[in-house]
Amino acid sequence: METVHLFVLDTMADWEPGYAVSGINQPAYQAHPGRYTVRTVGATRQPVRTMGGVTITPDLALDELAPDGSAMLILPGAMTWDQGEHGEAAEKAREFLAAGVPVAAICGATSGLARRGILDDRRHTSNALEYLAAAPGYAGHAHYAGGPAFRDGDLITACASAPVEFARLIFERLEVYAPPVLEAWYSLYGKGDPAGFYALEAGGQA
């Protein structure tokens, strides 16, 4: 079984990684049911409290995490990214990318990567170009792709209002679902088409 790691932090935006981690951890409809599990990782093992008031005790700390023991690192947004915090998580993301292990960052986490220069030579998106431009150290203007979510090789980025699109790219990169099933999933959750539910039940066949 392969492990996907979710970074958890105080003021984490609960909704941003929700679709992704539930789809990864739930074997229903998967191409290889049970291939992945999700574990949480914090700056330390001390409990954190999300924006929604949920308390999470991390399974492990960042200094215990290595790329060779992970299938992906997911970095959700939080108010504290914009305060310049979590540099150690951004550096862990750099380590993952250098090792060829994918990283998915949404909302404030993209700012955290921008501050460390990690977006300077990779195509990416975020809440807005102006949002990233306000991050000290950001020099990736020429590589800003825009749109709700974007994947450049092993790096996935997304804006705060795109948790479904974020999850879709994560599922695609990890091959969680067969392509027809992924399209049925997105039809249901991304487009609000109830026919997507029946297509999911039929294994992606409309």
N, C-alpha and C. Protein backbone atom coordinates (compact mmCIF):
# COMPACT_ATOMS: atom_id res chain seq x y z
N MET A 1 0.85 -1.20 0.00
CA MET A 1 0.00 0.00 0.00
C MET A 1 0.88 1.25 0.00
N GLU A 2 0.51 2.22 -0.82
CA GLU A 2 1.26 3.47 -0.92
C GLU A 2 0.59 4.54 -0.06
N THR A 3 1.40 5.44 0.48
CA THR A 3 0.89 6.47 1.39
C THR A 3 0.93 7.85 0.75
N VAL A 4 -0.20 8.54 0.80
CA VAL A 4 -0.29 9.95 0.43
C VAL A 4 -0.30 10.74 1.73
N HIS A 5 0.54 11.75 1.82
CA HIS A 5 0.66 12.53 3.04
C HIS A 5 -0.04 13.88 2.91
N LEU A 6 -0.86 14.17 3.89
CA LEU A 6 -1.58 15.44 3.96
C LEU A 6 -0.97 16.28 5.08
N PHE A 7 -0.43 17.44 4.71
CA PHE A 7 0.10 18.36 5.71
C PHE A 7 -1.07 19.02 6.43
N VAL A 8 -1.07 18.95 7.75
CA VAL A 8 -2.14 19.57 8.54
C VAL A 8 -1.54 20.66 9.41
N LEU A 9 -2.28 21.74 9.57
CA LEU A 9 -1.75 22.93 10.22
C LEU A 9 -2.88 23.74 10.81
N ASP A 10 -2.58 24.57 11.79
CA ASP A 10 -3.58 25.44 12.38
C ASP A 10 -4.20 26.34 11.31
N THR A 11 -5.50 26.54 11.40
CA THR A 11 -6.32 27.33 10.47
C THR A 11 -6.42 26.69 9.09
N MET A 12 -6.11 25.39 8.97
CA MET A 12 -6.25 24.71 7.68
C MET A 12 -7.66 24.87 7.13
N ALA A 13 -7.76 25.16 5.85
CA ALA A 13 -9.06 25.27 5.18
C ALA A 13 -9.60 23.87 4.92
N ASP A 14 -10.52 23.44 5.76
CA ASP A 14 -10.99 22.05 5.77
C ASP A 14 -11.44 21.55 4.40
N TRP A 15 -12.14 22.40 3.66
CA TRP A 15 -12.77 21.97 2.41
C TRP A 15 -11.78 21.76 1.27
N GLU A 16 -10.62 22.39 1.34
CA GLU A 16 -9.72 22.38 0.18
C GLU A 16 -9.17 21.00 -0.17
N PRO A 17 -8.72 20.18 0.79
CA PRO A 17 -8.23 18.85 0.44
C PRO A 17 -9.30 17.77 0.58
N GLY A 18 -10.52 18.15 0.95
CA GLY A 18 -11.53 17.16 1.33
C GLY A 18 -11.88 16.16 0.24
N TYR A 19 -12.19 16.63 -0.94
CA TYR A 19 -12.52 15.72 -2.04
C TYR A 19 -11.36 14.79 -2.35
N ALA A 20 -10.16 15.35 -2.35
CA ALA A 20 -8.98 14.57 -2.73
C ALA A 20 -8.70 13.45 -1.73
N VAL A 21 -8.62 13.80 -0.44
CA VAL A 21 -8.23 12.77 0.53
C VAL A 21 -9.32 11.71 0.71
N SER A 22 -10.59 12.11 0.59
CA SER A 22 -11.65 11.10 0.72
C SER A 22 -11.65 10.15 -0.46
N GLY A 23 -11.42 10.68 -1.66
CA GLY A 23 -11.36 9.81 -2.84
C GLY A 23 -10.16 8.88 -2.82
N ILE A 24 -9.02 9.37 -2.34
CA ILE A 24 -7.82 8.54 -2.25
C ILE A 24 -8.00 7.42 -1.24
N ASN A 25 -8.64 7.73 -0.12
CA ASN A 25 -8.73 6.79 0.99
C ASN A 25 -9.92 5.83 0.87
N GLN A 26 -10.87 6.16 -0.01
CA GLN A 26 -12.07 5.35 -0.15
C GLN A 26 -11.94 4.46 -1.39
N PRO A 27 -11.91 3.14 -1.24
CA PRO A 27 -11.65 2.26 -2.38
C PRO A 27 -12.75 2.19 -3.44
N ALA A 28 -13.95 2.67 -3.11
CA ALA A 28 -15.04 2.60 -4.08
C ALA A 28 -14.67 3.30 -5.39
N TYR A 29 -14.92 2.61 -6.48
CA TYR A 29 -14.72 3.11 -7.85
C TYR A 29 -13.25 3.18 -8.28
N GLN A 30 -12.32 2.87 -7.38
CA GLN A 30 -10.91 3.02 -7.73
C GLN A 30 -10.45 1.97 -8.75
N ALA A 31 -9.45 2.34 -9.52
CA ALA A 31 -8.88 1.40 -10.50
C ALA A 31 -8.19 0.25 -9.79
N HIS A 32 -7.54 0.54 -8.67
CA HIS A 32 -6.87 -0.49 -7.87
C HIS A 32 -7.27 -0.26 -6.42
N PRO A 33 -8.43 -0.76 -6.02
CA PRO A 33 -8.96 -0.48 -4.68
C PRO A 33 -7.96 -0.78 -3.57
N GLY A 34 -7.81 0.18 -2.68
CA GLY A 34 -6.91 0.01 -1.55
C GLY A 34 -5.44 0.24 -1.85
N ARG A 35 -5.15 0.76 -3.04
CA ARG A 35 -3.74 1.01 -3.38
C ARG A 35 -3.13 2.07 -2.47
N TYR A 36 -3.95 3.07 -2.10
CA TYR A 36 -3.44 4.20 -1.32
C TYR A 36 -4.09 4.29 0.05
N THR A 37 -3.36 4.88 0.97
CA THR A 37 -3.91 5.31 2.24
C THR A 37 -3.41 6.73 2.50
N VAL A 38 -4.11 7.46 3.35
CA VAL A 38 -3.74 8.84 3.67
C VAL A 38 -3.26 8.91 5.11
N ARG A 39 -2.12 9.56 5.32
CA ARG A 39 -1.62 9.82 6.67
C ARG A 39 -1.37 11.32 6.79
N THR A 40 -1.59 11.84 7.98
CA THR A 40 -1.39 13.27 8.21
C THR A 40 0.01 13.53 8.76
N VAL A 41 0.53 14.69 8.38
CA VAL A 41 1.86 15.09 8.84
C VAL A 41 1.79 16.55 9.27
N GLY A 42 2.36 16.84 10.42
CA GLY A 42 2.38 18.21 10.93
C GLY A 42 3.80 18.72 11.09
N ALA A 43 3.92 19.99 11.42
CA ALA A 43 5.25 20.52 11.71
C ALA A 43 5.86 19.73 12.86
N THR A 44 5.00 19.35 13.81
CA THR A 44 5.35 18.44 14.90
C THR A 44 4.19 17.46 15.03
N ARG A 45 4.23 16.63 16.05
CA ARG A 45 3.11 15.71 16.29
C ARG A 45 2.04 16.33 17.21
N GLN A 46 2.20 17.60 17.52
CA GLN A 46 1.22 18.26 18.38
C GLN A 46 -0.09 18.50 17.60
N PRO A 47 -1.24 18.40 18.28
CA PRO A 47 -2.51 18.61 17.60
C PRO A 47 -2.61 20.00 16.97
N VAL A 48 -3.36 20.07 15.87
CA VAL A 48 -3.65 21.34 15.21
C VAL A 48 -5.17 21.50 15.15
N ARG A 49 -5.61 22.71 14.93
CA ARG A 49 -7.04 23.00 14.87
C ARG A 49 -7.34 23.68 13.54
N THR A 50 -8.23 23.11 12.78
CA THR A 50 -8.54 23.63 11.45
C THR A 50 -9.42 24.87 11.52
N MET A 51 -9.61 25.49 10.37
CA MET A 51 -10.48 26.66 10.29
C MET A 51 -11.90 26.33 10.72
N GLY A 52 -12.31 25.09 10.46
CA GLY A 52 -13.64 24.65 10.84
C GLY A 52 -13.75 24.19 12.28
N GLY A 53 -12.67 24.29 13.05
CA GLY A 53 -12.70 23.93 14.45
C GLY A 53 -12.48 22.47 14.74
N VAL A 54 -11.95 21.72 13.75
CA VAL A 54 -11.68 20.30 13.94
C VAL A 54 -10.25 20.12 14.44
N THR A 55 -10.08 19.35 15.49
CA THR A 55 -8.75 19.09 16.02
C THR A 55 -8.18 17.81 15.40
N ILE A 56 -6.97 17.90 14.87
CA ILE A 56 -6.30 16.77 14.22
C ILE A 56 -4.95 16.56 14.89
N THR A 57 -4.68 15.33 15.28
CA THR A 57 -3.36 14.97 15.79
C THR A 57 -2.58 14.30 14.66
N PRO A 58 -1.51 14.92 14.19
CA PRO A 58 -0.76 14.37 13.06
C PRO A 58 -0.22 12.97 13.33
N ASP A 59 -0.18 12.16 12.29
CA ASP A 59 0.39 10.82 12.40
C ASP A 59 1.90 10.87 12.55
N LEU A 60 2.52 11.88 11.94
CA LEU A 60 3.97 12.03 12.03
C LEU A 60 4.34 13.48 11.82
N ALA A 61 5.60 13.80 12.11
CA ALA A 61 6.11 15.16 11.95
C ALA A 61 6.91 15.27 10.64
N LEU A 62 7.05 16.50 10.17
CA LEU A 62 7.75 16.72 8.90
C LEU A 62 9.15 16.13 8.89
N ASP A 63 9.85 16.20 10.02
CA ASP A 63 11.22 15.68 10.03
C ASP A 63 11.27 14.16 9.99
N GLU A 64 10.12 13.50 10.07
CA GLU A 64 10.04 12.06 9.93
C GLU A 64 9.63 11.64 8.52
N LEU A 65 9.32 12.60 7.68
CA LEU A 65 8.80 12.33 6.35
C LEU A 65 9.90 12.40 5.29
N ALA A 66 9.96 11.39 4.42
CA ALA A 66 10.93 11.35 3.34
C ALA A 66 10.21 11.02 2.03
N PRO A 67 10.68 11.56 0.91
CA PRO A 67 10.02 11.31 -0.36
C PRO A 67 9.90 9.83 -0.71
N ASP A 68 10.90 9.04 -0.36
CA ASP A 68 10.87 7.63 -0.75
C ASP A 68 9.83 6.82 0.01
N GLY A 69 9.18 7.44 0.98
CA GLY A 69 8.12 6.76 1.71
C GLY A 69 6.76 7.34 1.42
N SER A 70 6.65 8.09 0.32
CA SER A 70 5.40 8.79 0.03
C SER A 70 5.07 8.74 -1.45
N ALA A 71 3.77 8.71 -1.74
CA ALA A 71 3.30 8.78 -3.12
C ALA A 71 2.99 10.21 -3.54
N MET A 72 2.71 11.07 -2.58
CA MET A 72 2.38 12.48 -2.86
C MET A 72 2.31 13.24 -1.54
N LEU A 73 2.64 14.53 -1.60
CA LEU A 73 2.47 15.44 -0.48
C LEU A 73 1.41 16.47 -0.87
N ILE A 74 0.34 16.56 -0.07
CA ILE A 74 -0.72 17.53 -0.31
C ILE A 74 -0.61 18.65 0.72
N LEU A 75 -0.57 19.88 0.21
CA LEU A 75 -0.44 21.07 1.07
C LEU A 75 -1.72 21.90 0.94
N PRO A 76 -2.59 21.88 1.93
CA PRO A 76 -3.80 22.70 1.88
C PRO A 76 -3.53 24.13 2.31
N GLY A 77 -4.48 24.99 2.00
CA GLY A 77 -4.35 26.37 2.41
C GLY A 77 -4.64 26.56 3.89
N ALA A 78 -4.20 27.71 4.41
CA ALA A 78 -4.45 28.11 5.80
C ALA A 78 -4.10 29.58 5.90
N MET A 79 -4.69 30.26 6.84
CA MET A 79 -4.42 31.68 7.01
C MET A 79 -2.96 31.95 7.32
N THR A 80 -2.31 30.99 7.96
CA THR A 80 -0.94 31.21 8.43
C THR A 80 0.10 31.21 7.32
N TRP A 81 -0.21 30.65 6.16
CA TRP A 81 0.74 30.72 5.04
C TRP A 81 1.06 32.18 4.69
N ASP A 82 0.01 33.02 4.69
CA ASP A 82 0.19 34.42 4.29
C ASP A 82 0.95 35.23 5.33
N GLN A 83 1.16 34.64 6.48
CA GLN A 83 1.97 35.29 7.52
C GLN A 83 3.43 34.84 7.44
N GLY A 84 3.75 34.10 6.38
CA GLY A 84 5.13 33.68 6.16
C GLY A 84 5.53 32.44 6.92
N GLU A 85 4.54 31.74 7.50
CA GLU A 85 4.86 30.54 8.27
C GLU A 85 4.97 29.31 7.36
N HIS A 86 5.40 28.20 7.93
CA HIS A 86 5.46 26.88 7.27
C HIS A 86 6.54 26.78 6.19
N GLY A 87 7.62 27.52 6.38
CA GLY A 87 8.72 27.40 5.44
C GLY A 87 9.29 26.00 5.39
N GLU A 88 9.25 25.28 6.51
CA GLU A 88 9.76 23.92 6.54
C GLU A 88 8.92 22.99 5.67
N ALA A 89 7.63 23.26 5.58
CA ALA A 89 6.76 22.46 4.71
C ALA A 89 7.05 22.76 3.25
N ALA A 90 7.29 24.03 2.93
CA ALA A 90 7.64 24.39 1.56
C ALA A 90 8.96 23.74 1.15
N GLU A 91 9.92 23.72 2.06
CA GLU A 91 11.19 23.08 1.75
C GLU A 91 11.04 21.56 1.60
N LYS A 92 10.13 20.97 2.34
CA LYS A 92 9.84 19.55 2.17
C LYS A 92 9.25 19.31 0.79
N ALA A 93 8.41 20.24 0.33
CA ALA A 93 7.86 20.13 -1.02
C ALA A 93 8.97 20.21 -2.07
N ARG A 94 9.94 21.08 -1.87
CA ARG A 94 11.07 21.18 -2.79
C ARG A 94 11.83 19.85 -2.85
N GLU A 95 12.01 19.24 -1.68
CA GLU A 95 12.70 17.96 -1.59
C GLU A 95 11.93 16.88 -2.35
N PHE A 96 10.62 16.87 -2.19
CA PHE A 96 9.77 15.90 -2.90
C PHE A 96 9.89 16.07 -4.41
N LEU A 97 9.77 17.29 -4.88
CA LEU A 97 9.82 17.54 -6.32
C LEU A 97 11.18 17.15 -6.89
N ALA A 98 12.23 17.43 -6.16
CA ALA A 98 13.58 17.07 -6.62
C ALA A 98 13.74 15.56 -6.73
N ALA A 99 12.97 14.83 -5.90
CA ALA A 99 13.04 13.37 -5.91
C ALA A 99 12.04 12.74 -6.88
N GLY A 100 11.27 13.59 -7.58
CA GLY A 100 10.29 13.07 -8.53
C GLY A 100 9.01 12.58 -7.89
N VAL A 101 8.73 13.04 -6.66
CA VAL A 101 7.49 12.68 -5.97
C VAL A 101 6.55 13.88 -6.05
N PRO A 102 5.31 13.69 -6.49
CA PRO A 102 4.42 14.82 -6.73
C PRO A 102 4.00 15.58 -5.48
N VAL A 103 3.73 16.86 -5.70
CA VAL A 103 3.27 17.77 -4.65
C VAL A 103 2.03 18.47 -5.18
N ALA A 104 1.00 18.58 -4.33
CA ALA A 104 -0.22 19.29 -4.69
C ALA A 104 -0.47 20.38 -3.66
N ALA A 105 -0.55 21.64 -4.12
CA ALA A 105 -0.71 22.79 -3.23
C ALA A 105 -1.91 23.62 -3.67
N ILE A 106 -2.69 24.06 -2.71
CA ILE A 106 -3.88 24.85 -3.02
C ILE A 106 -3.92 26.10 -2.15
N CYS A 107 -4.43 27.16 -2.73
CA CYS A 107 -4.67 28.43 -2.03
C CYS A 107 -3.40 28.95 -1.35
N GLY A 108 -3.44 29.14 -0.04
CA GLY A 108 -2.31 29.72 0.67
C GLY A 108 -1.03 28.94 0.55
N ALA A 109 -1.14 27.63 0.34
CA ALA A 109 0.08 26.83 0.18
C ALA A 109 0.85 27.22 -1.07
N THR A 110 0.15 27.72 -2.10
CA THR A 110 0.87 28.18 -3.30
C THR A 110 1.71 29.41 -2.96
N SER A 111 1.19 30.24 -2.07
CA SER A 111 1.97 31.40 -1.62
C SER A 111 3.21 30.95 -0.86
N GLY A 112 3.05 29.90 -0.04
CA GLY A 112 4.19 29.37 0.69
C GLY A 112 5.28 28.87 -0.24
N LEU A 113 4.88 28.20 -1.33
CA LEU A 113 5.86 27.75 -2.32
C LEU A 113 6.47 28.93 -3.06
N ALA A 114 5.64 29.93 -3.36
CA ALA A 114 6.12 31.11 -4.08
C ALA A 114 7.20 31.84 -3.28
N ARG A 115 7.02 31.95 -1.99
CA ARG A 115 7.98 32.66 -1.13
C ARG A 115 9.36 31.99 -1.16
N ARG A 116 9.38 30.69 -1.44
CA ARG A 116 10.64 29.95 -1.45
C ARG A 116 11.20 29.78 -2.86
N GLY A 117 10.57 30.41 -3.84
CA GLY A 117 11.07 30.35 -5.22
C GLY A 117 10.75 29.05 -5.93
N ILE A 118 9.88 28.24 -5.36
CA ILE A 118 9.61 26.92 -5.92
C ILE A 118 8.74 27.01 -7.17
N LEU A 119 8.03 28.12 -7.34
CA LEU A 119 7.19 28.30 -8.52
C LEU A 119 7.87 29.11 -9.63
N ASP A 120 9.10 29.51 -9.40
CA ASP A 120 9.76 30.42 -10.34
C ASP A 120 9.99 29.82 -11.72
N ASP A 121 10.14 28.50 -11.79
CA ASP A 121 10.43 27.88 -13.09
C ASP A 121 9.45 26.76 -13.43
N ARG A 122 8.26 26.81 -12.82
CA ARG A 122 7.23 25.80 -13.09
C ARG A 122 5.91 26.50 -13.41
N ARG A 123 5.16 25.99 -14.36
CA ARG A 123 3.84 26.51 -14.64
C ARG A 123 2.94 26.25 -13.43
N HIS A 124 2.11 27.21 -13.08
CA HIS A 124 1.31 27.10 -11.87
C HIS A 124 0.13 28.05 -11.91
N THR A 125 -0.77 27.86 -10.96
CA THR A 125 -1.86 28.80 -10.76
C THR A 125 -2.00 29.05 -9.27
N SER A 126 -2.95 29.91 -8.92
CA SER A 126 -3.20 30.24 -7.52
C SER A 126 -4.51 31.02 -7.46
N ASN A 127 -4.72 31.74 -6.36
CA ASN A 127 -5.94 32.54 -6.22
C ASN A 127 -5.98 33.66 -7.25
N ALA A 128 -4.83 34.22 -7.56
CA ALA A 128 -4.68 35.27 -8.58
C ALA A 128 -3.20 35.58 -8.68
N LEU A 129 -2.79 36.11 -9.83
CA LEU A 129 -1.39 36.48 -9.97
C LEU A 129 -1.02 37.56 -8.96
N GLU A 130 -1.95 38.48 -8.71
CA GLU A 130 -1.68 39.55 -7.75
C GLU A 130 -1.46 39.00 -6.35
N TYR A 131 -2.14 37.91 -6.05
CA TYR A 131 -1.97 37.27 -4.74
C TYR A 131 -0.55 36.75 -4.58
N LEU A 132 -0.06 36.05 -5.60
CA LEU A 132 1.31 35.54 -5.52
C LEU A 132 2.34 36.66 -5.58
N ALA A 133 2.04 37.68 -6.37
CA ALA A 133 2.99 38.78 -6.51
C ALA A 133 3.25 39.48 -5.17
N ALA A 134 2.30 39.36 -4.25
CA ALA A 134 2.47 39.97 -2.94
C ALA A 134 3.37 39.14 -2.02
N ALA A 135 3.72 37.93 -2.45
CA ALA A 135 4.58 37.06 -1.65
C ALA A 135 6.04 37.44 -1.86
N PRO A 136 6.75 37.84 -0.80
CA PRO A 136 8.16 38.20 -0.96
C PRO A 136 8.95 37.04 -1.56
N GLY A 137 9.75 37.36 -2.56
CA GLY A 137 10.60 36.35 -3.18
C GLY A 137 10.01 35.70 -4.42
N TYR A 138 8.75 35.98 -4.73
CA TYR A 138 8.12 35.36 -5.91
C TYR A 138 8.65 36.00 -7.19
N ALA A 139 9.11 35.16 -8.12
CA ALA A 139 9.60 35.64 -9.41
C ALA A 139 9.10 34.76 -10.55
N GLY A 140 7.92 34.17 -10.34
CA GLY A 140 7.39 33.24 -11.32
C GLY A 140 6.31 33.79 -12.22
N HIS A 141 6.22 35.11 -12.34
CA HIS A 141 5.15 35.76 -13.09
C HIS A 141 4.99 35.17 -14.50
N ALA A 142 6.10 34.92 -15.17
CA ALA A 142 6.05 34.44 -16.55
C ALA A 142 5.49 33.04 -16.67
N HIS A 143 5.44 32.32 -15.57
CA HIS A 143 4.96 30.93 -15.60
C HIS A 143 3.56 30.79 -14.99
N TYR A 144 2.90 31.91 -14.75
CA TYR A 144 1.56 31.84 -14.17
C TYR A 144 0.56 31.43 -15.24
N ALA A 145 -0.14 30.32 -15.00
CA ALA A 145 -1.05 29.76 -16.00
C ALA A 145 -2.48 30.24 -15.82
N GLY A 146 -2.85 30.64 -14.62
CA GLY A 146 -4.22 31.03 -14.35
C GLY A 146 -5.15 29.82 -14.32
N GLY A 147 -6.45 30.07 -14.21
CA GLY A 147 -7.41 28.99 -14.15
C GLY A 147 -7.55 28.43 -12.75
N PRO A 148 -8.56 27.59 -12.54
CA PRO A 148 -8.82 27.07 -11.18
C PRO A 148 -7.77 26.10 -10.68
N ALA A 149 -7.22 25.26 -11.55
CA ALA A 149 -6.21 24.27 -11.14
C ALA A 149 -5.32 23.96 -12.33
N PHE A 150 -4.08 23.59 -12.05
CA PHE A 150 -3.12 23.36 -13.14
C PHE A 150 -2.10 22.32 -12.69
N ARG A 151 -1.70 21.47 -13.64
CA ARG A 151 -0.65 20.49 -13.34
C ARG A 151 0.50 20.65 -14.30
N ASP A 152 1.69 20.82 -13.75
CA ASP A 152 2.92 20.86 -14.52
C ASP A 152 3.79 19.71 -14.03
N GLY A 153 3.71 18.58 -14.71
CA GLY A 153 4.47 17.41 -14.29
C GLY A 153 4.05 16.93 -12.92
N ASP A 154 4.97 17.02 -11.97
CA ASP A 154 4.70 16.54 -10.61
C ASP A 154 4.14 17.61 -9.68
N LEU A 155 3.92 18.82 -10.19
CA LEU A 155 3.39 19.89 -9.36
C LEU A 155 1.96 20.23 -9.75
N ILE A 156 1.06 20.17 -8.77
CA ILE A 156 -0.33 20.55 -8.95
C ILE A 156 -0.59 21.77 -8.08
N THR A 157 -1.23 22.79 -8.66
CA THR A 157 -1.59 23.98 -7.91
C THR A 157 -3.04 24.33 -8.19
N ALA A 158 -3.68 25.01 -7.25
CA ALA A 158 -5.09 25.35 -7.42
C ALA A 158 -5.45 26.55 -6.57
N CYS A 159 -6.57 27.18 -6.93
CA CYS A 159 -7.08 28.31 -6.14
C CYS A 159 -8.05 27.79 -5.08
N ALA A 160 -8.37 28.63 -4.14
CA ALA A 160 -9.18 28.23 -2.98
C ALA A 160 -10.56 27.73 -3.36
N SER A 161 -11.11 28.26 -4.46
CA SER A 161 -12.48 27.92 -4.85
C SER A 161 -12.55 26.70 -5.76
N ALA A 162 -11.45 25.95 -5.87
CA ALA A 162 -11.42 24.83 -6.82
C ALA A 162 -11.03 23.50 -6.17
N PRO A 163 -11.63 23.11 -5.05
CA PRO A 163 -11.24 21.83 -4.45
C PRO A 163 -11.58 20.63 -5.33
N VAL A 164 -12.63 20.74 -6.15
CA VAL A 164 -12.99 19.62 -7.03
C VAL A 164 -11.98 19.48 -8.16
N GLU A 165 -11.62 20.59 -8.78
CA GLU A 165 -10.62 20.56 -9.85
C GLU A 165 -9.26 20.13 -9.32
N PHE A 166 -8.94 20.56 -8.11
CA PHE A 166 -7.71 20.16 -7.43
C PHE A 166 -7.69 18.64 -7.27
N ALA A 167 -8.78 18.09 -6.75
CA ALA A 167 -8.88 16.64 -6.56
C ALA A 167 -8.79 15.90 -7.89
N ARG A 168 -9.42 16.45 -8.90
CA ARG A 168 -9.41 15.78 -10.21
C ARG A 168 -7.98 15.59 -10.72
N LEU A 169 -7.15 16.64 -10.60
CA LEU A 169 -5.77 16.54 -11.06
C LEU A 169 -4.96 15.58 -10.19
N ILE A 170 -5.25 15.56 -8.90
CA ILE A 170 -4.57 14.62 -8.00
C ILE A 170 -4.93 13.19 -8.39
N PHE A 171 -6.22 12.92 -8.60
CA PHE A 171 -6.65 11.58 -9.00
C PHE A 171 -6.00 11.16 -10.31
N GLU A 172 -5.91 12.11 -11.24
CA GLU A 172 -5.31 11.83 -12.54
C GLU A 172 -3.84 11.47 -12.39
N ARG A 173 -3.11 12.27 -11.60
CA ARG A 173 -1.67 12.03 -11.44
C ARG A 173 -1.40 10.70 -10.74
N LEU A 174 -2.22 10.35 -9.75
CA LEU A 174 -2.03 9.11 -9.00
C LEU A 174 -2.72 7.91 -9.65
N GLU A 175 -3.45 8.16 -10.71
CA GLU A 175 -4.20 7.10 -11.41
C GLU A 175 -5.14 6.38 -10.43
N VAL A 176 -5.82 7.17 -9.63
CA VAL A 176 -6.76 6.62 -8.65
C VAL A 176 -7.94 5.95 -9.35
N TYR A 177 -8.46 6.62 -10.38
CA TYR A 177 -9.60 6.10 -11.13
C TYR A 177 -9.20 5.89 -12.60
N ALA A 178 -9.86 4.93 -13.24
CA ALA A 178 -9.72 4.80 -14.69
C ALA A 178 -10.31 6.06 -15.33
N PRO A 179 -9.80 6.48 -16.49
CA PRO A 179 -10.26 7.74 -17.10
C PRO A 179 -11.77 7.89 -17.22
N PRO A 180 -12.54 6.86 -17.67
CA PRO A 180 -13.99 7.05 -17.75
C PRO A 180 -14.63 7.27 -16.38
N VAL A 181 -14.10 6.62 -15.36
CA VAL A 181 -14.63 6.78 -14.00
C VAL A 181 -14.31 8.18 -13.48
N LEU A 182 -13.11 8.67 -13.77
CA LEU A 182 -12.73 10.02 -13.35
C LEU A 182 -13.65 11.05 -14.00
N GLU A 183 -13.96 10.86 -15.27
CA GLU A 183 -14.86 11.79 -15.95
C GLU A 183 -16.26 11.74 -15.35
N ALA A 184 -16.71 10.53 -14.98
CA ALA A 184 -18.02 10.41 -14.34
C ALA A 184 -18.00 11.10 -12.97
N TRP A 185 -16.92 10.91 -12.22
CA TRP A 185 -16.76 11.57 -10.92
C TRP A 185 -16.83 13.08 -11.08
N TYR A 186 -16.11 13.62 -12.06
CA TYR A 186 -16.08 15.06 -12.26
C TYR A 186 -17.42 15.58 -12.76
N SER A 187 -18.09 14.79 -13.56
CA SER A 187 -19.41 15.19 -14.03
C SER A 187 -20.36 15.39 -12.86
N LEU A 188 -20.25 14.49 -11.86
CA LEU A 188 -21.12 14.57 -10.69
C LEU A 188 -20.72 15.72 -9.77
N TYR A 189 -19.45 15.75 -9.37
CA TYR A 189 -19.02 16.70 -8.35
C TYR A 189 -18.59 18.05 -8.91
N GLY A 190 -18.12 18.06 -10.15
CA GLY A 190 -17.65 19.31 -10.74
C GLY A 190 -18.71 20.04 -11.53
N LYS A 191 -19.64 19.29 -12.12
CA LYS A 191 -20.67 19.90 -12.97
C LYS A 191 -22.07 19.77 -12.38
N GLY A 192 -22.19 19.02 -11.30
CA GLY A 192 -23.49 18.86 -10.68
C GLY A 192 -24.48 18.07 -11.50
N ASP A 193 -23.97 17.20 -12.37
CA ASP A 193 -24.83 16.40 -13.24
C ASP A 193 -25.16 15.08 -12.54
N PRO A 194 -26.41 14.86 -12.16
CA PRO A 194 -26.75 13.62 -11.46
C PRO A 194 -26.50 12.37 -12.28
N ALA A 195 -26.42 12.51 -13.60
CA ALA A 195 -26.11 11.35 -14.44
C ALA A 195 -24.73 10.81 -14.12
N GLY A 196 -23.86 11.68 -13.57
CA GLY A 196 -22.53 11.24 -13.20
C GLY A 196 -22.57 10.16 -12.14
N PHE A 197 -23.56 10.22 -11.24
CA PHE A 197 -23.68 9.20 -10.20
C PHE A 197 -23.93 7.83 -10.82
N TYR A 198 -24.84 7.78 -11.77
CA TYR A 198 -25.17 6.49 -12.39
C TYR A 198 -24.01 5.99 -13.25
N ALA A 199 -23.28 6.92 -13.86
CA ALA A 199 -22.10 6.52 -14.62
C ALA A 199 -21.03 5.96 -13.69
N LEU A 200 -20.88 6.56 -12.50
CA LEU A 200 -19.94 6.02 -11.51
C LEU A 200 -20.34 4.59 -11.12
N GLU A 201 -21.61 4.41 -10.84
CA GLU A 201 -22.09 3.08 -10.44
C GLU A 201 -21.89 2.05 -11.53
N ALA A 202 -21.87 2.53 -12.77
CA ALA A 202 -21.69 1.63 -13.91
C ALA A 202 -20.24 1.53 -14.34
N GLY A 203 -19.33 2.00 -13.49
CA GLY A 203 -17.91 1.92 -13.80
C GLY A 203 -17.45 2.90 -14.84
N GLY A 204 -18.14 4.05 -14.90
CA GLY A 204 -17.76 5.09 -15.85
C GLY A 204 -18.50 5.03 -17.16
N GLN A 205 -19.36 4.05 -17.33
CA GLN A 205 -20.10 3.92 -18.58
C GLN A 205 -21.44 4.64 -18.44
N ALA A 206 -21.64 5.64 -19.28
CA ALA A 206 -22.88 6.43 -19.21
C ALA A 206 -24.07 5.58 -19.66
